[in-house]
Amino acid sequence: MNSDDLTMATDIPKKLGKYEIIKELGRGSMGVVYEGHDPFTDHRVALKVANTHKFRNKKSAERYKKAFFNEAHTAGKLKHPNIIDILDAGAEGDICYIVMELVEAGNTLKPYCTPENLLPYEQVVEIIFKCAKALDYAHR
């Protein structure tokens, strides 16, 4: 399996490391996120897979891999109620992945981004306060 298999194929991989892949949750310019299952703990997890194949040369891909794992290492040290837990990270061939706590999809803020449907001021302040506390914690 290579990184093209993860980003270009319509079929999702069955396994990545010890993690069983259940379904794709989303994709962006830097990677794909899958819902997975940890057979050891019997927990559902999120797996963030890097798009290392987008780099034209091996040196750029290696720099990106190093930054990707540095992100996992740094974020893995953070323990805060408003920051997702990093559980593991690994590589399989040229595929790099970070295993994170899976947060069940709830309501997004997208419906509240139009002038006719804004959230009440108190709710906005509460959301910003929680985000600010998490950012403050992460940058200490």
Protein backbone atom coordinates (compact mmCIF):
# COMPACT_ATOMS: atom_id res chain seq x y z
CA MET A 1 0.00 0.00 0.00
CA ASN A 2 1.31 3.46 -0.82
CA SER A 3 0.06 6.99 -0.21
CA ASP A 4 -1.65 7.09 -3.63
CA ASP A 5 -3.81 4.16 -2.49
CA LEU A 6 -5.10 6.30 0.38
CA THR A 7 -5.73 9.53 -1.46
CA MET A 8 -6.76 8.50 -4.95
CA ALA A 9 -8.59 5.20 -4.60
CA THR A 10 -12.32 4.95 -4.13
CA ASP A 11 -11.76 1.90 -1.93
CA ILE A 12 -10.50 2.69 1.52
CA PRO A 13 -7.65 0.60 2.91
CA LYS A 14 -8.66 -2.20 5.26
CA LYS A 15 -5.85 -1.70 7.74
CA LEU A 16 -3.11 0.77 8.67
CA GLY A 17 -0.68 -0.55 11.24
CA LYS A 18 -2.76 -2.36 13.85
CA TYR A 19 -5.77 -0.13 13.14
CA GLU A 20 -8.71 -1.40 11.12
CA ILE A 21 -10.14 1.26 8.81
CA ILE A 22 -13.92 1.66 8.99
CA LYS A 23 -14.63 4.62 6.69
CA GLU A 24 -13.33 7.92 5.39
CA LEU A 25 -14.39 10.92 7.46
CA GLY A 26 -12.92 13.73 5.39
CA ARG A 27 -10.08 14.93 3.23
CA GLY A 28 -8.14 18.10 2.70
CA SER A 29 -5.08 19.36 0.89
CA MET A 30 -2.70 17.82 3.42
CA GLY A 31 -4.32 14.45 4.02
CA VAL A 32 -7.24 12.15 4.66
CA VAL A 33 -8.94 11.34 7.98
CA TYR A 34 -10.44 7.90 8.55
CA GLU A 35 -12.51 6.39 11.31
CA GLY A 36 -10.69 3.34 12.59
CA HIS A 37 -10.82 0.66 15.25
CA ASP A 38 -8.05 -0.22 17.69
CA PRO A 39 -8.40 -4.00 18.22
CA PHE A 40 -6.22 -3.90 21.34
CA THR A 41 -8.33 -1.37 23.27
CA ASP A 42 -11.56 -1.96 21.31
CA HIS A 43 -11.91 1.82 20.83
CA ARG A 44 -12.92 3.74 17.74
CA VAL A 45 -10.24 6.22 16.68
CA ALA A 46 -9.53 8.84 14.01
CA LEU A 47 -6.51 8.30 11.76
CA LYS A 48 -5.00 11.35 10.05
CA VAL A 49 -2.97 10.20 7.03
CA ALA A 50 -0.46 12.57 5.41
CA ASN A 51 -0.41 13.19 1.66
CA THR A 52 3.35 12.72 1.29
CA HIS A 53 2.98 11.70 -2.38
CA LYS A 54 2.23 15.33 -3.33
CA PHE A 55 5.89 16.27 -2.94
CA ARG A 56 7.95 16.13 -6.12
CA ASN A 57 11.19 15.17 -4.48
CA LYS A 58 12.16 12.83 -1.69
CA LYS A 59 13.86 15.58 0.36
CA SER A 60 10.64 17.63 0.57
CA ALA A 61 8.64 14.53 1.48
CA GLU A 62 11.12 13.68 4.24
CA ARG A 63 10.92 17.23 5.66
CA TYR A 64 7.13 17.01 5.65
CA LYS A 65 7.22 13.59 7.37
CA LYS A 66 9.50 15.01 10.05
CA ALA A 67 7.15 17.97 10.61
CA PHE A 68 4.14 15.63 10.63
CA PHE A 69 5.63 13.44 13.37
CA ASN A 70 6.84 16.50 15.27
CA GLU A 71 3.20 17.70 15.29
CA ALA A 72 2.11 14.32 16.68
CA HIS A 73 4.82 14.35 19.34
CA THR A 74 4.09 17.92 20.45
CA ALA A 75 0.30 17.57 20.38
CA GLY A 76 0.54 14.19 22.11
CA LYS A 77 1.86 15.92 25.24
CA LEU A 78 -1.23 18.12 25.54
CA LYS A 79 -3.98 17.04 27.92
CA HIS A 80 -6.88 19.50 27.95
CA PRO A 81 -10.67 19.02 27.74
CA ASN A 82 -10.86 21.19 24.59
CA ILE A 83 -7.95 19.55 22.72
CA ILE A 84 -8.27 16.16 21.03
CA ASP A 85 -5.95 13.49 22.49
CA ILE A 86 -3.20 12.08 20.29
CA LEU A 87 -2.99 8.34 20.98
CA ASP A 88 -0.33 7.05 18.59
CA ALA A 89 1.58 7.77 15.39
CA GLY A 90 3.30 5.57 12.91
CA ALA A 91 4.42 4.85 9.38
CA GLU A 92 3.71 1.95 7.10
CA GLY A 93 5.92 2.12 4.04
CA ASP A 94 5.66 5.69 2.79
CA ILE A 95 2.37 6.29 4.63
CA CYS A 96 2.51 8.42 7.80
CA TYR A 97 -0.42 8.56 10.18
CA ILE A 98 -1.48 10.04 13.50
CA VAL A 99 -4.06 8.24 15.64
CA MET A 100 -6.38 10.53 17.58
CA GLU A 101 -9.36 10.37 19.86
CA LEU A 102 -12.51 10.12 17.74
CA VAL A 103 -15.00 12.87 18.47
CA GLU A 104 -18.53 12.06 17.41
CA ALA A 105 -19.86 14.51 14.87
CA GLY A 106 -22.21 16.98 16.45
CA ASN A 107 -23.53 20.24 15.20
CA THR A 108 -21.15 22.37 13.19
CA LEU A 109 -21.17 26.15 13.30
CA LYS A 110 -21.75 26.41 9.53
CA PRO A 111 -25.53 27.03 9.79
CA TYR A 112 -24.85 29.93 12.16
CA CYS A 113 -22.53 31.80 9.79
CA THR A 114 -25.22 33.74 7.98
CA PRO A 115 -26.49 37.14 9.19
CA GLU A 116 -30.06 35.87 9.54
CA ASN A 117 -29.09 32.89 11.71
CA LEU A 118 -26.34 34.03 14.08
CA LEU A 119 -25.84 32.37 17.46
CA PRO A 120 -26.81 34.31 20.57
CA TYR A 121 -24.01 36.50 21.91
CA GLU A 122 -23.66 34.40 25.08
CA GLN A 123 -23.07 31.19 23.10
CA VAL A 124 -20.48 32.88 20.89
CA VAL A 125 -18.61 34.14 23.94
CA GLU A 126 -18.69 30.65 25.50
CA ILE A 127 -17.27 29.03 22.33
CA ILE A 128 -14.53 31.65 21.99
CA PHE A 129 -13.67 31.33 25.68
CA LYS A 130 -13.22 27.54 25.38
CA CYS A 131 -11.08 27.94 22.26
CA ALA A 132 -8.98 30.65 23.92
CA LYS A 133 -8.39 28.46 26.99
CA ALA A 134 -7.23 25.59 24.77
CA LEU A 135 -4.92 27.88 22.77
CA ASP A 136 -3.50 29.39 25.95
CA TYR A 137 -2.81 25.92 27.34
CA ALA A 138 -1.20 24.73 24.09
CA HIS A 139 1.15 27.71 23.91
CA ARG A 140 2.49 27.56 27.47
